[in-house]
N, C-alpha and C. Protein backbone atom coordinates (compact mmCIF):
# COMPACT_ATOMS: atom_id res chain seq x y z
N UNK A 1 113.15 129.08 79.86
CA UNK A 1 112.87 128.42 81.11
C UNK A 1 113.17 126.93 81.16
N UNK A 2 112.61 126.21 80.21
CA UNK A 2 112.82 124.86 80.02
C UNK A 2 113.63 124.52 78.85
N UNK A 3 114.72 123.72 78.98
CA UNK A 3 115.51 123.33 77.84
C UNK A 3 115.37 121.86 77.58
N UNK A 4 116.09 121.36 76.64
CA UNK A 4 115.96 119.93 76.22
C UNK A 4 116.44 118.96 77.27
N UNK A 5 117.16 119.46 78.27
CA UNK A 5 117.70 118.61 79.34
C UNK A 5 116.71 118.41 80.38
N UNK A 6 115.64 119.11 80.40
CA UNK A 6 114.69 119.06 81.40
C UNK A 6 114.90 119.93 82.62
N UNK A 7 115.84 120.77 82.53
CA UNK A 7 116.20 121.68 83.63
C UNK A 7 115.00 122.73 83.75
N UNK A 8 114.69 123.03 85.02
CA UNK A 8 113.63 124.00 85.25
C UNK A 8 112.31 123.36 85.58
N UNK A 9 112.12 122.11 85.32
CA UNK A 9 110.87 121.51 85.67
C UNK A 9 110.64 121.38 87.20
N UNK A 10 111.82 121.17 87.92
CA UNK A 10 111.59 121.03 89.44
C UNK A 10 111.11 122.42 89.91
N UNK A 11 111.61 123.48 89.44
CA UNK A 11 111.21 124.82 89.96
C UNK A 11 109.66 124.97 89.61
N UNK A 12 109.25 124.56 88.48
CA UNK A 12 107.85 124.70 88.09
C UNK A 12 107.01 123.77 88.98
N UNK A 13 107.41 122.54 89.25
CA UNK A 13 106.67 121.68 90.13
C UNK A 13 106.56 122.28 91.57
N UNK A 14 107.61 122.79 92.07
CA UNK A 14 107.62 123.35 93.41
C UNK A 14 106.60 124.56 93.47
N UNK A 15 106.68 125.43 92.49
CA UNK A 15 105.78 126.63 92.50
C UNK A 15 104.30 126.13 92.34
N UNK A 16 104.04 125.23 91.53
CA UNK A 16 102.55 124.82 91.41
C UNK A 16 102.13 124.03 92.68
N UNK A 17 103.03 123.26 93.21
CA UNK A 17 102.62 122.55 94.39
C UNK A 17 102.23 123.36 95.57
N UNK A 18 103.00 124.49 95.77
CA UNK A 18 102.84 125.39 96.85
C UNK A 18 101.48 126.09 96.74
N UNK A 19 101.05 126.51 95.58
CA UNK A 19 99.83 127.16 95.46
C UNK A 19 98.65 126.23 95.60
N UNK A 20 98.81 124.91 95.24
CA UNK A 20 97.75 123.92 95.43
C UNK A 20 97.64 123.59 96.93
N UNK A 21 98.74 123.50 97.66
CA UNK A 21 98.62 123.29 99.11
C UNK A 21 97.95 124.42 99.85
N UNK A 22 98.26 125.70 99.29
CA UNK A 22 97.61 126.81 99.92
C UNK A 22 96.03 126.72 99.69
N UNK A 23 95.65 126.31 98.43
CA UNK A 23 94.25 126.27 98.18
C UNK A 23 93.60 125.23 98.89
N UNK A 24 94.20 124.02 99.09
CA UNK A 24 93.66 123.00 99.91
C UNK A 24 93.50 123.39 101.30
N UNK A 25 94.42 124.07 101.91
CA UNK A 25 94.48 124.55 103.30
C UNK A 25 93.28 125.56 103.43
N UNK A 26 93.05 126.44 102.37
CA UNK A 26 92.01 127.41 102.53
C UNK A 26 90.62 126.70 102.49
N UNK A 27 90.39 125.71 101.62
CA UNK A 27 89.16 125.01 101.61
C UNK A 27 88.87 124.29 102.90
N UNK A 28 89.92 123.67 103.45
CA UNK A 28 89.80 122.98 104.77
C UNK A 28 89.43 123.98 105.79
N UNK A 29 90.00 125.15 105.77
CA UNK A 29 89.59 126.19 106.74
C UNK A 29 88.08 126.62 106.63
N UNK A 30 87.70 126.67 105.38
CA UNK A 30 86.29 126.98 105.07
C UNK A 30 85.36 125.90 105.67
N UNK A 31 85.73 124.66 105.53
CA UNK A 31 84.96 123.56 106.12
C UNK A 31 84.96 123.61 107.60
N UNK A 32 86.16 123.84 108.17
CA UNK A 32 86.30 123.84 109.63
C UNK A 32 85.47 125.03 110.21
N UNK A 33 85.54 126.17 109.55
CA UNK A 33 84.77 127.30 110.10
C UNK A 33 83.26 127.07 110.06
N UNK A 34 82.78 126.35 108.91
CA UNK A 34 81.40 125.97 108.86
C UNK A 34 81.02 124.95 110.00
N UNK A 35 81.95 124.07 110.25
CA UNK A 35 81.70 123.04 111.32
C UNK A 35 81.66 123.72 112.65
N UNK A 36 82.43 124.73 112.88
CA UNK A 36 82.44 125.48 114.17
C UNK A 36 81.03 126.16 114.36
N UNK A 37 80.57 126.78 113.30
CA UNK A 37 79.37 127.45 113.40
C UNK A 37 78.22 126.53 113.63
N UNK A 38 78.11 125.47 112.82
CA UNK A 38 77.08 124.45 113.06
C UNK A 38 77.06 123.82 114.43
N UNK A 39 78.21 123.48 114.89
CA UNK A 39 78.35 122.88 116.19
C UNK A 39 77.94 123.79 117.32
N UNK A 40 78.27 125.10 117.20
CA UNK A 40 77.95 126.16 118.08
C UNK A 40 76.44 126.34 118.16
N UNK A 41 75.83 126.35 117.00
CA UNK A 41 74.33 126.51 116.98
C UNK A 41 73.68 125.31 117.54
N UNK A 42 74.19 124.20 117.27
CA UNK A 42 73.49 122.96 117.74
C UNK A 42 73.79 122.60 119.22
N UNK A 43 74.94 122.93 119.76
CA UNK A 43 75.31 122.44 121.10
C UNK A 43 75.20 123.46 122.10
N UNK A 44 75.42 124.70 121.86
CA UNK A 44 75.45 125.74 122.94
C UNK A 44 74.12 126.32 123.16
N UNK A 45 73.86 126.53 124.44
CA UNK A 45 72.58 127.05 124.93
C UNK A 45 72.57 128.55 125.17
N UNK A 46 73.71 129.03 125.75
CA UNK A 46 73.85 130.37 126.12
C UNK A 46 74.06 131.22 124.85
N UNK A 47 73.34 132.30 124.83
CA UNK A 47 73.42 133.19 123.60
C UNK A 47 74.72 133.83 123.48
N UNK A 48 75.39 134.19 124.62
CA UNK A 48 76.64 134.82 124.57
C UNK A 48 77.74 133.80 124.08
N UNK A 49 77.76 132.67 124.63
CA UNK A 49 78.78 131.74 124.09
C UNK A 49 78.57 131.30 122.66
N UNK A 50 77.32 131.14 122.35
CA UNK A 50 76.91 130.81 120.93
C UNK A 50 77.39 131.90 119.99
N UNK A 51 77.17 133.17 120.31
CA UNK A 51 77.57 134.21 119.51
C UNK A 51 79.09 134.25 119.39
N UNK A 52 79.76 134.03 120.36
CA UNK A 52 81.32 134.05 120.32
C UNK A 52 81.77 132.94 119.45
N UNK A 53 81.20 131.75 119.55
CA UNK A 53 81.72 130.64 118.72
C UNK A 53 81.24 130.88 117.25
N UNK A 54 80.09 131.49 117.06
CA UNK A 54 79.73 131.67 115.70
C UNK A 54 80.60 132.77 115.07
N UNK A 55 80.98 133.76 115.75
CA UNK A 55 81.90 134.78 115.25
C UNK A 55 83.32 134.22 115.06
N UNK A 56 83.72 133.38 115.85
CA UNK A 56 85.06 132.60 115.70
C UNK A 56 84.92 131.66 114.44
N UNK A 57 83.87 131.06 114.17
CA UNK A 57 83.66 130.24 113.04
C UNK A 57 83.72 131.05 111.74
N UNK A 58 83.02 132.18 111.82
CA UNK A 58 83.01 133.14 110.62
C UNK A 58 84.41 133.62 110.39
N UNK A 59 85.18 133.91 111.44
CA UNK A 59 86.62 134.41 111.31
C UNK A 59 87.46 133.39 110.57
N UNK A 60 87.23 132.10 110.99
CA UNK A 60 88.01 131.02 110.34
C UNK A 60 87.57 130.91 108.88
N UNK A 61 86.34 131.02 108.58
CA UNK A 61 85.91 130.90 107.12
C UNK A 61 86.49 132.09 106.34
N UNK A 62 86.55 133.30 106.94
CA UNK A 62 87.16 134.40 106.26
C UNK A 62 88.61 134.18 105.99
N UNK A 63 89.31 133.56 106.94
CA UNK A 63 90.72 133.26 106.82
C UNK A 63 90.86 132.35 105.64
N UNK A 64 90.03 131.27 105.67
CA UNK A 64 90.10 130.24 104.57
C UNK A 64 89.78 130.94 103.15
N UNK A 65 88.84 131.79 103.16
CA UNK A 65 88.53 132.55 101.89
C UNK A 65 89.65 133.38 101.45
N UNK A 66 90.31 134.05 102.26
CA UNK A 66 91.49 134.89 101.89
C UNK A 66 92.58 134.00 101.44
N UNK A 67 92.84 132.84 102.05
CA UNK A 67 93.92 131.92 101.61
C UNK A 67 93.60 131.38 100.26
N UNK A 68 92.36 131.04 99.99
CA UNK A 68 92.02 130.54 98.63
C UNK A 68 92.18 131.64 97.64
N UNK A 69 91.74 132.85 97.92
CA UNK A 69 91.86 133.96 96.92
C UNK A 69 93.33 134.25 96.68
N UNK A 70 94.23 134.28 97.77
CA UNK A 70 95.66 134.54 97.58
C UNK A 70 96.33 133.40 96.67
N UNK A 71 95.95 132.17 96.92
CA UNK A 71 96.54 131.16 96.15
C UNK A 71 96.12 131.23 94.69
N UNK A 72 94.80 131.56 94.42
CA UNK A 72 94.38 131.84 93.08
C UNK A 72 95.10 133.02 92.45
N UNK A 73 95.32 134.02 93.21
CA UNK A 73 96.12 135.17 92.56
C UNK A 73 97.54 134.78 92.35
N UNK A 74 98.12 134.07 93.25
CA UNK A 74 99.51 133.53 93.01
C UNK A 74 99.56 132.69 91.77
N UNK A 75 98.59 131.83 91.57
CA UNK A 75 98.61 131.08 90.35
C UNK A 75 98.50 131.90 89.01
N UNK A 76 97.65 132.94 89.11
CA UNK A 76 97.55 133.82 88.02
C UNK A 76 98.78 134.70 87.73
N UNK A 77 99.43 135.01 88.82
CA UNK A 77 100.68 135.76 88.66
C UNK A 77 101.72 134.93 88.06
N UNK A 78 101.73 133.59 88.26
CA UNK A 78 102.76 132.73 87.71
C UNK A 78 102.58 132.54 86.24
N UNK A 79 101.33 132.68 85.81
CA UNK A 79 100.94 132.42 84.39
C UNK A 79 101.28 133.56 83.55
N UNK A 80 101.29 134.79 84.10
CA UNK A 80 101.48 136.03 83.34
C UNK A 80 102.89 136.18 82.91
């Protein structure tokens, strides 16, 4: 894969950079989902709207968790 001329390092860098940006995006989605849940509980008075926003926040958190898990699995697949 890598020879003495340094060929192949660009491919390695691009592959590792992609999984790190996926992981960062996943963690940011986890934070955003938590923020949506906290804001909904603190600001909304109607139980129906509060429940809707809490469910939306939990859905965002699940998306973030899935993205983090997929980036972790992608990194493990590159190492095998």
